[in-house]
Amino acid sequence: MLRLGICNKIAWLVSQYELFKYIMSKAILGQDAALRITQTCLKSTIIRILKYEKVAIGSNCDLNTPLFFHNVTTLNKLEIGNDVHIGKNCFFDLTGPIKIGSNSTISMCCLFVTHLDVGKNQWQSIYPGTSKGIVIGEHVYIGANSQVLQGCTIANSVFIGANSLVIKDISEAGIYFGQPVTKKD
């Protein structure tokens, strides 16, 4: 028991140090440098960093690291409900907002892209840059290696199988999978 208490204190100290390192990195080197810490920090630190950045995050969340954040002007474009699980190696493009409803599970290696920018080339006139948020309802499960693209809203009580691609709204509860996703009976 004593050993467990010492381990918990050490983990708390490491988490304090990582939060301090994040704050100092952001102040001195900028947001991108600070966000690299979310790729290497303890699981307990990521929630502390998000709360420091005023992200609306519910209670009893389980966020695994590493997490990757892209196009961040402010992390508070992310909103996380209660009892949310996010697996390792998930990628959040925060050009637009991303909202994750309570009691939802995001499995490992999922990708959320809130913008399209083809750069300065021949495609720019056909596909001008756009940015739209993503909304994930409550009691949603998103399987490993799935991708959700800009502007998509996923209704409550939706199960999305692994390796799926969400390119449009899912407005009805049920089981979906595939590229692009389709409802399964």
Protein backbone atom coordinates (compact mmCIF):
# COMPACT_ATOMS: atom_id res chain seq x y z
CA MET A 1 0.00 0.00 0.00
CA LEU A 2 2.81 2.38 0.86
CA ARG A 3 4.44 1.69 -2.50
CA LEU A 4 1.19 2.55 -4.35
CA GLY A 5 0.95 5.84 -2.45
CA ILE A 6 4.53 6.74 -3.41
CA CYS A 7 3.85 5.87 -7.07
CA ASN A 8 0.73 8.07 -7.07
CA LYS A 9 2.71 10.97 -5.61
CA ILE A 10 5.43 10.55 -8.22
CA ALA A 11 2.83 10.47 -11.02
CA TRP A 12 1.26 13.65 -9.58
CA LEU A 13 4.66 15.37 -9.51
CA VAL A 14 5.41 14.33 -13.09
CA SER A 15 2.00 15.63 -14.16
CA GLN A 16 2.68 18.95 -12.40
CA TYR A 17 6.02 19.20 -14.18
CA GLU A 18 4.47 18.41 -17.59
CA LEU A 19 1.77 21.05 -17.10
CA PHE A 20 4.44 23.58 -16.11
CA LYS A 21 6.50 22.58 -19.17
CA TYR A 22 3.40 23.07 -21.37
CA ILE A 23 2.70 26.52 -19.92
CA MET A 24 6.32 27.65 -20.27
CA SER A 25 6.68 26.20 -23.78
CA LYS A 26 3.56 28.04 -24.90
CA ALA A 27 4.76 31.32 -23.35
CA ILE A 28 8.28 31.10 -24.77
CA LEU A 29 8.07 28.99 -27.93
CA GLY A 30 4.40 29.24 -28.93
CA GLN A 31 1.35 27.00 -29.23
CA ASP A 32 2.84 24.44 -31.64
CA ALA A 33 5.79 23.74 -29.35
CA ALA A 34 3.50 23.41 -26.35
CA LEU A 35 1.20 21.00 -28.17
CA ARG A 36 4.08 18.60 -28.74
CA ILE A 37 3.85 17.89 -25.02
CA THR A 38 0.38 16.35 -25.57
CA GLN A 39 2.15 13.72 -27.68
CA THR A 40 4.42 12.56 -24.87
CA CYS A 41 2.76 13.45 -21.56
CA LEU A 42 1.14 11.21 -19.01
CA LYS A 43 -2.52 10.37 -19.42
CA SER A 44 -3.31 12.38 -16.28
CA THR A 45 -1.62 15.48 -17.70
CA ILE A 46 -3.69 15.78 -20.87
CA ILE A 47 -6.87 16.58 -18.94
CA ARG A 48 -4.99 19.13 -16.85
CA ILE A 49 -3.67 20.80 -20.03
CA LEU A 50 -7.15 20.91 -21.58
CA LYS A 51 -8.65 22.39 -18.42
CA TYR A 52 -5.82 24.95 -18.28
CA GLU A 53 -6.78 25.94 -21.84
CA LYS A 54 -10.43 26.32 -20.77
CA VAL A 55 -11.68 23.37 -22.80
CA ALA A 56 -15.20 22.36 -21.74
CA ILE A 57 -14.52 18.86 -20.46
CA GLY A 58 -16.91 16.78 -18.42
CA SER A 59 -16.26 14.52 -15.47
CA ASN A 60 -14.87 11.00 -15.46
CA CYS A 61 -13.18 11.26 -18.87
CA ASP A 62 -10.45 8.85 -19.94
CA LEU A 63 -8.13 10.46 -22.50
CA ASN A 64 -5.13 8.43 -23.62
CA THR A 65 -1.93 9.88 -24.96
CA PRO A 66 -0.51 10.59 -27.38
CA LEU A 67 -3.14 12.94 -28.77
CA PHE A 68 -2.43 15.14 -31.77
CA PHE A 69 -3.89 18.61 -32.29
CA HIS A 70 -3.57 20.48 -35.61
CA ASN A 71 -4.37 24.05 -36.73
CA VAL A 72 -4.86 25.22 -33.18
CA THR A 73 -5.54 28.86 -32.52
CA THR A 74 -7.26 27.86 -29.31
CA LEU A 75 -7.85 24.43 -27.80
CA ASN A 76 -11.25 25.51 -26.51
CA LYS A 77 -12.75 24.73 -29.92
CA LEU A 78 -12.83 21.21 -28.48
CA GLU A 79 -15.75 20.28 -26.21
CA ILE A 80 -15.91 16.94 -24.39
CA GLY A 81 -18.91 15.64 -22.43
CA ASN A 82 -18.98 13.40 -19.35
CA ASP A 83 -17.67 9.83 -19.31
CA VAL A 84 -15.90 10.12 -22.68
CA HIS A 85 -13.09 7.76 -23.66
CA ILE A 86 -10.54 8.79 -26.30
CA GLY A 87 -7.98 6.20 -27.36
CA LYS A 88 -4.33 6.64 -28.21
CA ASN A 89 -3.06 8.38 -31.36
CA CYS A 90 -6.23 10.32 -32.19
CA PHE A 91 -5.85 13.41 -34.41
CA PHE A 92 -8.01 16.51 -33.95
CA ASP A 93 -7.94 19.26 -36.59
CA LEU A 94 -9.24 22.28 -34.68
CA THR A 95 -9.65 24.66 -37.60
CA GLY A 96 -13.34 24.29 -36.79
CA PRO A 97 -14.97 23.19 -33.53
CA ILE A 98 -15.31 19.56 -32.46
CA LYS A 99 -17.94 18.54 -29.92
CA ILE A 100 -18.00 15.05 -28.38
CA GLY A 101 -21.16 14.11 -26.48
CA SER A 102 -21.30 12.33 -23.14
CA ASN A 103 -20.83 8.57 -22.81
CA SER A 104 -19.08 8.34 -26.17
CA THR A 105 -16.02 6.30 -27.09
CA ILE A 106 -13.45 7.33 -29.67
CA SER A 107 -11.20 4.35 -30.32
CA MET A 108 -7.50 4.58 -31.06
CA CYS A 109 -6.10 6.22 -34.19
CA CYS A 110 -9.25 8.13 -35.20
CA LEU A 111 -8.97 11.25 -37.33
CA PHE A 112 -11.23 14.33 -37.19
CA VAL A 113 -10.71 16.85 -40.01
CA THR A 114 -12.61 20.15 -39.88
CA HIS A 115 -11.22 21.85 -42.96
CA LEU A 116 -10.27 21.48 -46.60
CA ASP A 117 -7.37 23.44 -48.07
CA VAL A 118 -5.86 22.26 -51.35
CA GLY A 119 -3.20 24.98 -51.26
CA LYS A 120 -2.31 27.34 -54.05
CA ASN A 121 -2.67 25.22 -57.18
CA GLN A 122 -5.07 24.39 -60.02
CA TRP A 123 -7.57 22.75 -57.64
CA GLN A 124 -8.14 25.91 -55.61
CA SER A 125 -10.77 27.28 -58.01
CA ILE A 126 -12.70 23.99 -57.92
CA TYR A 127 -12.23 23.26 -54.21
CA PRO A 128 -11.93 26.55 -52.31
CA GLY A 129 -10.86 26.32 -48.69
CA THR A 130 -13.65 25.51 -46.25
CA SER A 131 -13.97 24.88 -42.54
CA LYS A 132 -16.91 23.30 -40.73
CA GLY A 133 -17.23 21.79 -37.28
CA ILE A 134 -17.90 18.20 -36.26
CA VAL A 135 -20.56 17.16 -33.74
CA ILE A 136 -20.60 13.71 -32.16
CA GLY A 137 -23.73 12.85 -30.21
CA GLU A 138 -24.11 11.00 -26.93
CA HIS A 139 -23.59 7.24 -26.56
CA VAL A 140 -21.61 7.11 -29.81
CA TYR A 141 -18.90 4.53 -30.49
CA ILE A 142 -16.33 5.25 -33.21
CA GLY A 143 -14.14 2.26 -34.06
CA ALA A 144 -10.37 2.30 -34.46
CA ASN A 145 -8.81 4.02 -37.47
CA SER A 146 -12.05 5.76 -38.46
CA GLN A 147 -12.20 9.21 -40.01
CA VAL A 148 -14.83 11.92 -39.61
CA LEU A 149 -14.71 14.81 -42.08
CA GLN A 150 -15.74 18.45 -41.78
CA GLY A 151 -19.35 19.39 -41.31
CA CYS A 152 -20.50 15.95 -40.13
CA THR A 153 -22.95 15.48 -37.29
CA ILE A 154 -23.33 12.02 -35.78
CA ALA A 155 -26.63 11.40 -33.97
CA ASN A 156 -26.98 9.86 -30.51
CA SER A 157 -26.61 6.08 -30.11
CA VAL A 158 -24.61 5.48 -33.29
CA PHE A 159 -22.04 2.68 -33.59
CA ILE A 160 -19.40 3.23 -36.26
CA GLY A 161 -17.26 0.21 -37.10
CA ALA A 162 -13.48 0.27 -37.38
CA ASN A 163 -11.79 1.72 -40.48
CA SER A 164 -14.89 3.70 -41.46
CA LEU A 165 -15.13 7.04 -43.26
CA VAL A 166 -17.88 9.49 -42.26
CA ILE A 167 -18.43 12.04 -45.04
CA LYS A 168 -21.99 13.17 -44.29
CA ASP A 169 -24.40 13.48 -41.38
CA ILE A 170 -25.65 10.36 -39.64
CA SER A 171 -29.07 11.34 -38.33
CA GLU A 172 -30.45 7.99 -37.23
CA ALA A 173 -29.28 5.67 -34.43
CA GLY A 174 -27.85 2.36 -35.59
CA ILE A 175 -24.76 0.50 -36.75
CA TYR A 176 -22.70 1.97 -39.59
CA PHE A 177 -19.46 0.97 -41.23
CA GLY A 178 -17.58 1.18 -44.49
CA GLN A 179 -15.92 3.78 -46.69
CA PRO A 180 -18.10 5.78 -46.83
CA VAL A 181 -20.25 4.55 -43.96
CA THR A 182 -23.62 2.98 -44.65
CA LYS A 183 -26.22 1.73 -42.19
CA LYS A 184 -26.33 -1.99 -41.50
CA ASP A 185 -29.52 -3.80 -40.59
